[in-house]
Amino acid sequence: VFNTKHRPIVAGTEFIIPFGADVL
C-alpha cells in the first residue's frame, strides 16, 4: 500500500496454480 497525498494505491502480485499432481 502506497499512502499517497490524495488516495492510497495498491501494487500487488499473485500466483495461481491448479490442484493436481503436476503442480507447475
PDB file of all heavy atoms in Angstrom:
ATOM      1  N   VAL A   1       0.842  -1.197   0.000  1.00  0.00           N
ATOM      2  CA  VAL A   1       0.000   0.000   0.000  1.00  0.00           C
ATOM      3  C   VAL A   1       0.876   1.246   0.000  1.00  0.00           C
ATOM      4  O   VAL A   1       1.684   1.456   0.915  1.00  0.00           O
ATOM      5  CB  VAL A   1      -0.935   0.016   1.223  1.00  0.00           C
ATOM      6  CG1 VAL A   1      -1.819   1.261   1.189  1.00  0.00           C
ATOM      7  CG2 VAL A   1      -1.779  -1.246   1.272  1.00  0.00           C
ATOM      8  N   PHE A   2       0.710   2.073  -1.039  1.00  0.00           N
ATOM      9  CA  PHE A   2       1.372   3.382  -1.100  1.00  0.00           C
ATOM     10  C   PHE A   2       0.365   4.433  -0.641  1.00  0.00           C
ATOM     11  O   PHE A   2      -0.645   4.675  -1.306  1.00  0.00           O
ATOM     12  CB  PHE A   2       1.831   3.689  -2.534  1.00  0.00           C
ATOM     13  CG  PHE A   2       2.924   2.794  -3.036  1.00  0.00           C
ATOM     14  CD1 PHE A   2       2.616   1.624  -3.722  1.00  0.00           C
ATOM     15  CD2 PHE A   2       4.253   3.117  -2.822  1.00  0.00           C
ATOM     16  CE1 PHE A   2       3.625   0.806  -4.202  1.00  0.00           C
ATOM     17  CE2 PHE A   2       5.271   2.302  -3.290  1.00  0.00           C
ATOM     18  CZ  PHE A   2       4.954   1.141  -3.981  1.00  0.00           C
ATOM     19  N   ASN A   3       0.626   5.038   0.495  1.00  0.00           N
ATOM     20  CA  ASN A   3      -0.272   6.072   1.016  1.00  0.00           C
ATOM     21  C   ASN A   3       0.121   7.421   0.423  1.00  0.00           C
ATOM     22  O   ASN A   3       0.952   8.141   0.974  1.00  0.00           O
ATOM     23  CB  ASN A   3      -0.202   6.099   2.541  1.00  0.00           C
ATOM     24  CG  ASN A   3      -0.849   4.877   3.154  1.00  0.00           C
ATOM     25  OD1 ASN A   3      -2.000   4.571   2.863  1.00  0.00           O
ATOM     26  ND2 ASN A   3      -0.107   4.166   3.987  1.00  0.00           N
ATOM     27  N   THR A   4      -0.461   7.726  -0.724  1.00  0.00           N
ATOM     28  CA  THR A   4      -0.156   8.980  -1.407  1.00  0.00           C
ATOM     29  C   THR A   4      -0.895  10.142  -0.749  1.00  0.00           C
ATOM     30  O   THR A   4      -1.699   9.953   0.181  1.00  0.00           O
ATOM     31  CB  THR A   4      -0.550   8.884  -2.886  1.00  0.00           C
ATOM     32  OG1 THR A   4      -1.977   8.751  -2.978  1.00  0.00           O
ATOM     33  CG2 THR A   4       0.107   7.683  -3.550  1.00  0.00           C
ATOM     34  N   LYS A   5      -0.657  11.340  -1.234  1.00  0.00           N
ATOM     35  CA  LYS A   5      -1.245  12.541  -0.655  1.00  0.00           C
ATOM     36  C   LYS A   5      -2.763  12.521  -0.736  1.00  0.00           C
ATOM     37  O   LYS A   5      -3.461  12.988   0.171  1.00  0.00           O
ATOM     38  CB  LYS A   5      -0.698  13.777  -1.365  1.00  0.00           C
ATOM     39  CG  LYS A   5      -1.204  15.095  -0.795  1.00  0.00           C
ATOM     40  CD  LYS A   5      -0.583  16.276  -1.525  1.00  0.00           C
ATOM     41  CE  LYS A   5      -1.096  17.592  -0.962  1.00  0.00           C
ATOM     42  NZ  LYS A   5      -0.504  18.764  -1.679  1.00  0.00           N
ATOM     43  N   HIS A   6      -3.300  11.987  -1.830  1.00  0.00           N
ATOM     44  CA  HIS A   6      -4.745  12.019  -2.034  1.00  0.00           C
ATOM     45  C   HIS A   6      -5.407  10.701  -1.629  1.00  0.00           C
ATOM     46  O   HIS A   6      -6.219  10.658  -0.712  1.00  0.00           O
ATOM     47  CB  HIS A   6      -5.049  12.349  -3.498  1.00  0.00           C
ATOM     48  CG  HIS A   6      -4.500  13.673  -3.929  1.00  0.00           C
ATOM     49  ND1 HIS A   6      -5.051  14.865  -3.525  1.00  0.00           N
ATOM     50  CD2 HIS A   6      -3.439  14.000  -4.734  1.00  0.00           C
ATOM     51  CE1 HIS A   6      -4.371  15.872  -4.051  1.00  0.00           C
ATOM     52  NE2 HIS A   6      -3.384  15.369  -4.785  1.00  0.00           N
ATOM     53  N   ARG A   7      -5.062   9.601  -2.308  1.00  0.00           N
ATOM     54  CA  ARG A   7      -5.681   8.306  -2.032  1.00  0.00           C
ATOM     55  C   ARG A   7      -4.624   7.213  -2.132  1.00  0.00           C
ATOM     56  O   ARG A   7      -3.669   7.343  -2.889  1.00  0.00           O
ATOM     57  CB  ARG A   7      -6.814   8.029  -3.021  1.00  0.00           C
ATOM     58  CG  ARG A   7      -8.012   8.948  -2.831  1.00  0.00           C
ATOM     59  CD  ARG A   7      -9.031   8.743  -3.917  1.00  0.00           C
ATOM     60  NE  ARG A   7     -10.129   9.694  -3.784  1.00  0.00           N
ATOM     61  CZ  ARG A   7     -11.062   9.865  -4.712  1.00  0.00           C
ATOM     62  NH1 ARG A   7     -11.023   9.159  -5.819  1.00  0.00           N
ATOM     63  NH2 ARG A   7     -12.026  10.746  -4.516  1.00  0.00           N
ATOM     64  N   PRO A   8      -4.801   6.131  -1.400  1.00  0.00           N
ATOM     65  CA  PRO A   8      -3.814   5.047  -1.473  1.00  0.00           C
ATOM     66  C   PRO A   8      -3.833   4.333  -2.817  1.00  0.00           C
ATOM     67  O   PRO A   8      -4.872   4.256  -3.481  1.00  0.00           O
ATOM     68  CB  PRO A   8      -4.236   4.119  -0.336  1.00  0.00           C
ATOM     69  CG  PRO A   8      -5.679   4.406  -0.119  1.00  0.00           C
ATOM     70  CD  PRO A   8      -5.861   5.864  -0.418  1.00  0.00           C
ATOM     71  N   ILE A   9      -2.689   3.817  -3.198  1.00  0.00           N
ATOM     72  CA  ILE A   9      -2.536   2.985  -4.386  1.00  0.00           C
ATOM     73  C   ILE A   9      -1.940   1.655  -3.944  1.00  0.00           C
ATOM     74  O   ILE A   9      -0.993   1.624  -3.148  1.00  0.00           O
ATOM     75  CB  ILE A   9      -1.626   3.645  -5.433  1.00  0.00           C
ATOM     76  CG1 ILE A   9      -2.245   4.955  -5.922  1.00  0.00           C
ATOM     77  CG2 ILE A   9      -1.378   2.697  -6.613  1.00  0.00           C
ATOM     78  CD1 ILE A   9      -1.353   5.736  -6.866  1.00  0.00           C
ATOM     79  N   VAL A  10      -2.496   0.562  -4.426  1.00  0.00           N
ATOM     80  CA  VAL A  10      -2.023  -0.766  -4.046  1.00  0.00           C
ATOM     81  C   VAL A  10      -1.341  -1.403  -5.249  1.00  0.00           C
ATOM     82  O   VAL A  10      -1.947  -1.573  -6.310  1.00  0.00           O
ATOM     83  CB  VAL A  10      -3.170  -1.661  -3.559  1.00  0.00           C
ATOM     84  CG1 VAL A  10      -2.647  -3.048  -3.192  1.00  0.00           C
ATOM     85  CG2 VAL A  10      -3.866  -1.025  -2.361  1.00  0.00           C
ATOM     86  N   ALA A  11      -0.059  -1.748  -5.089  1.00  0.00           N
ATOM     87  CA  ALA A  11       0.674  -2.503  -6.096  1.00  0.00           C
ATOM     88  C   ALA A  11       0.780  -3.939  -5.610  1.00  0.00           C
ATOM     89  O   ALA A  11       1.168  -4.181  -4.458  1.00  0.00           O
ATOM     90  CB  ALA A  11       2.059  -1.905  -6.312  1.00  0.00           C
ATOM     91  N   GLY A  12       0.416  -4.877  -6.454  1.00  0.00           N
ATOM     92  CA  GLY A  12       0.373  -6.254  -5.969  1.00  0.00           C
ATOM     93  C   GLY A  12       0.719  -7.284  -7.017  1.00  0.00           C
ATOM     94  O   GLY A  12       0.829  -6.978  -8.219  1.00  0.00           O
ATOM     95  N   THR A  13       0.869  -8.510  -6.555  1.00  0.00           N
ATOM     96  CA  THR A  13       1.151  -9.639  -7.437  1.00  0.00           C
ATOM     97  C   THR A  13       0.481 -10.874  -6.872  1.00  0.00           C
ATOM     98  O   THR A  13       0.260 -10.979  -5.654  1.00  0.00           O
ATOM     99  CB  THR A  13       2.673  -9.856  -7.578  1.00  0.00           C
ATOM    100  OG1 THR A  13       2.920 -10.830  -8.592  1.00  0.00           O
ATOM    101  CG2 THR A  13       3.290 -10.294  -6.268  1.00  0.00           C
ATOM    102  N   GLU A  14       0.120 -11.821  -7.747  1.00  0.00           N
ATOM    103  CA  GLU A  14      -0.482 -13.068  -7.294  1.00  0.00           C
ATOM    104  C   GLU A  14      -0.006 -14.210  -8.164  1.00  0.00           C
ATOM    105  O   GLU A  14       0.331 -14.025  -9.347  1.00  0.00           O
ATOM    106  CB  GLU A  14      -2.014 -12.993  -7.320  1.00  0.00           C
ATOM    107  CG  GLU A  14      -2.620 -12.902  -8.711  1.00  0.00           C
ATOM    108  CD  GLU A  14      -4.144 -12.857  -8.677  1.00  0.00           C
ATOM    109  OE1 GLU A  14      -4.705 -12.471  -7.634  1.00  0.00           O
ATOM    110  OE2 GLU A  14      -4.765 -13.209  -9.691  1.00  0.00           O
ATOM    111  N   PHE A  15       0.040 -15.401  -7.575  1.00  0.00           N
ATOM    112  CA  PHE A  15       0.475 -16.600  -8.284  1.00  0.00           C
ATOM    113  C   PHE A  15      -0.564 -17.677  -8.046  1.00  0.00           C
ATOM    114  O   PHE A  15      -0.873 -18.011  -6.893  1.00  0.00           O
ATOM    115  CB  PHE A  15       1.840 -17.049  -7.773  1.00  0.00           C
ATOM    116  CG  PHE A  15       2.457 -18.135  -8.608  1.00  0.00           C
ATOM    117  CD1 PHE A  15       3.006 -17.844  -9.849  1.00  0.00           C
ATOM    118  CD2 PHE A  15       2.493 -19.445  -8.155  1.00  0.00           C
ATOM    119  CE1 PHE A  15       3.577 -18.836 -10.622  1.00  0.00           C
ATOM    120  CE2 PHE A  15       3.069 -20.446  -8.927  1.00  0.00           C
ATOM    121  CZ  PHE A  15       3.617 -20.136 -10.164  1.00  0.00           C
ATOM    122  N   ILE A  16      -1.123 -18.235  -9.130  1.00  0.00           N
ATOM    123  CA  ILE A  16      -2.220 -19.192  -9.063  1.00  0.00           C
ATOM    124  C   ILE A  16      -1.816 -20.469  -9.785  1.00  0.00           C
ATOM    125  O   ILE A  16      -1.260 -20.425 -10.894  1.00  0.00           O
ATOM    126  CB  ILE A  16      -3.489 -18.620  -9.722  1.00  0.00           C
ATOM    127  CG1 ILE A  16      -3.955 -17.354  -8.992  1.00  0.00           C
ATOM    128  CG2 ILE A  16      -4.599 -19.664  -9.751  1.00  0.00           C
ATOM    129  CD1 ILE A  16      -4.466 -17.584  -7.599  1.00  0.00           C
ATOM    130  N   ILE A  17      -2.092 -21.623  -9.177  1.00  0.00           N
ATOM    131  CA  ILE A  17      -1.847 -22.909  -9.821  1.00  0.00           C
ATOM    132  C   ILE A  17      -3.048 -23.823  -9.583  1.00  0.00           C
ATOM    133  O   ILE A  17      -3.751 -23.687  -8.578  1.00  0.00           O
ATOM    134  CB  ILE A  17      -0.560 -23.585  -9.318  1.00  0.00           C
ATOM    135  CG1 ILE A  17      -0.588 -23.744  -7.799  1.00  0.00           C
ATOM    136  CG2 ILE A  17       0.666 -22.808  -9.737  1.00  0.00           C
ATOM    137  CD1 ILE A  17       0.624 -24.445  -7.232  1.00  0.00           C
ATOM    138  N   PRO A  18      -3.311 -24.787 -10.483  1.00  0.00           N
ATOM    139  CA  PRO A  18      -4.438 -25.693 -10.283  1.00  0.00           C
ATOM    140  C   PRO A  18      -4.081 -26.812  -9.314  1.00  0.00           C
ATOM    141  O   PRO A  18      -2.901 -27.171  -9.153  1.00  0.00           O
ATOM    142  CB  PRO A  18      -4.685 -26.246 -11.691  1.00  0.00           C
ATOM    143  CG  PRO A  18      -3.346 -26.197 -12.342  1.00  0.00           C
ATOM    144  CD  PRO A  18      -2.659 -24.975 -11.792  1.00  0.00           C
ATOM    145  N   PHE A  19      -5.087 -27.367  -8.661  1.00  0.00           N
ATOM    146  CA  PHE A  19      -4.879 -28.577  -7.883  1.00  0.00           C
ATOM    147  C   PHE A  19      -4.536 -29.716  -8.845  1.00  0.00           C
ATOM    148  O   PHE A  19      -5.081 -29.815  -9.942  1.00  0.00           O
ATOM    149  CB  PHE A  19      -6.141 -28.934  -7.096  1.00  0.00           C
ATOM    150  CG  PHE A  19      -6.367 -28.071  -5.893  1.00  0.00           C
ATOM    151  CD1 PHE A  19      -7.276 -27.015  -5.940  1.00  0.00           C
ATOM    152  CD2 PHE A  19      -5.681 -28.313  -4.717  1.00  0.00           C
ATOM    153  CE1 PHE A  19      -7.500 -26.226  -4.823  1.00  0.00           C
ATOM    154  CE2 PHE A  19      -5.899 -27.519  -3.597  1.00  0.00           C
ATOM    155  CZ  PHE A  19      -6.804 -26.475  -3.645  1.00  0.00           C
ATOM    156  N   GLY A  20      -3.628 -30.581  -8.438  1.00  0.00           N
ATOM    157  CA  GLY A  20      -3.256 -31.711  -9.279  1.00  0.00           C
ATOM    158  C   GLY A  20      -1.843 -32.165  -8.980  1.00  0.00           C
ATOM    159  O   GLY A  20      -1.113 -31.558  -8.193  1.00  0.00           O
ATOM    160  N   ALA A  21      -1.438 -33.255  -9.663  1.00  0.00           N
ATOM    161  CA  ALA A  21      -0.130 -33.849  -9.405  1.00  0.00           C
ATOM    162  C   ALA A  21       0.999 -33.038 -10.021  1.00  0.00           C
ATOM    163  O   ALA A  21       2.054 -32.858  -9.417  1.00  0.00           O
ATOM    164  CB  ALA A  21      -0.108 -35.281  -9.940  1.00  0.00           C
ATOM    165  N   ASP A  22       0.805 -32.567 -11.255  1.00  0.00           N
ATOM    166  CA  ASP A  22       1.845 -31.805 -11.961  1.00  0.00           C
ATOM    167  C   ASP A  22       1.672 -30.331 -11.623  1.00  0.00           C
ATOM    168  O   ASP A  22       1.054 -29.561 -12.361  1.00  0.00           O
ATOM    169  CB  ASP A  22       1.749 -32.042 -13.472  1.00  0.00           C
ATOM    170  CG  ASP A  22       1.932 -33.511 -13.827  1.00  0.00           C
ATOM    171  OD1 ASP A  22       2.761 -34.171 -13.160  1.00  0.00           O
ATOM    172  OD2 ASP A  22       1.251 -33.983 -14.746  1.00  0.00           O
ATOM    173  N   VAL A  23       2.263 -29.931 -10.516  1.00  0.00           N
ATOM    174  CA  VAL A  23       1.969 -28.624  -9.930  1.00  0.00           C
ATOM    175  C   VAL A  23       2.330 -27.476 -10.860  1.00  0.00           C
ATOM    176  O   VAL A  23       1.559 -26.524 -11.028  1.00  0.00           O
ATOM    177  CB  VAL A  23       2.702 -28.475  -8.581  1.00  0.00           C
ATOM    178  CG1 VAL A  23       2.494 -27.078  -8.016  1.00  0.00           C
ATOM    179  CG2 VAL A  23       2.216 -29.526  -7.603  1.00  0.00           C
ATOM    180  N   LEU A  24       3.499 -27.520 -11.497  1.00  0.00           N
ATOM    181  CA  LEU A  24       3.975 -26.372 -12.263  1.00  0.00           C
ATOM    182  C   LEU A  24       3.772 -26.514 -13.772  1.00  0.00           C
ATOM    183  O   LEU A  24       4.345 -25.752 -14.546  1.00  0.00           O
ATOM    184  CB  LEU A  24       5.455 -26.119 -11.945  1.00  0.00           C
ATOM    185  CG  LEU A  24       5.740 -25.666 -10.509  1.00  0.00           C
ATOM    186  CD1 LEU A  24       7.221 -25.440 -10.310  1.00  0.00           C
ATOM    187  CD2 LEU A  24       4.959 -24.404 -10.166  1.00  0.00           C
TER     188      LEU A  24
END
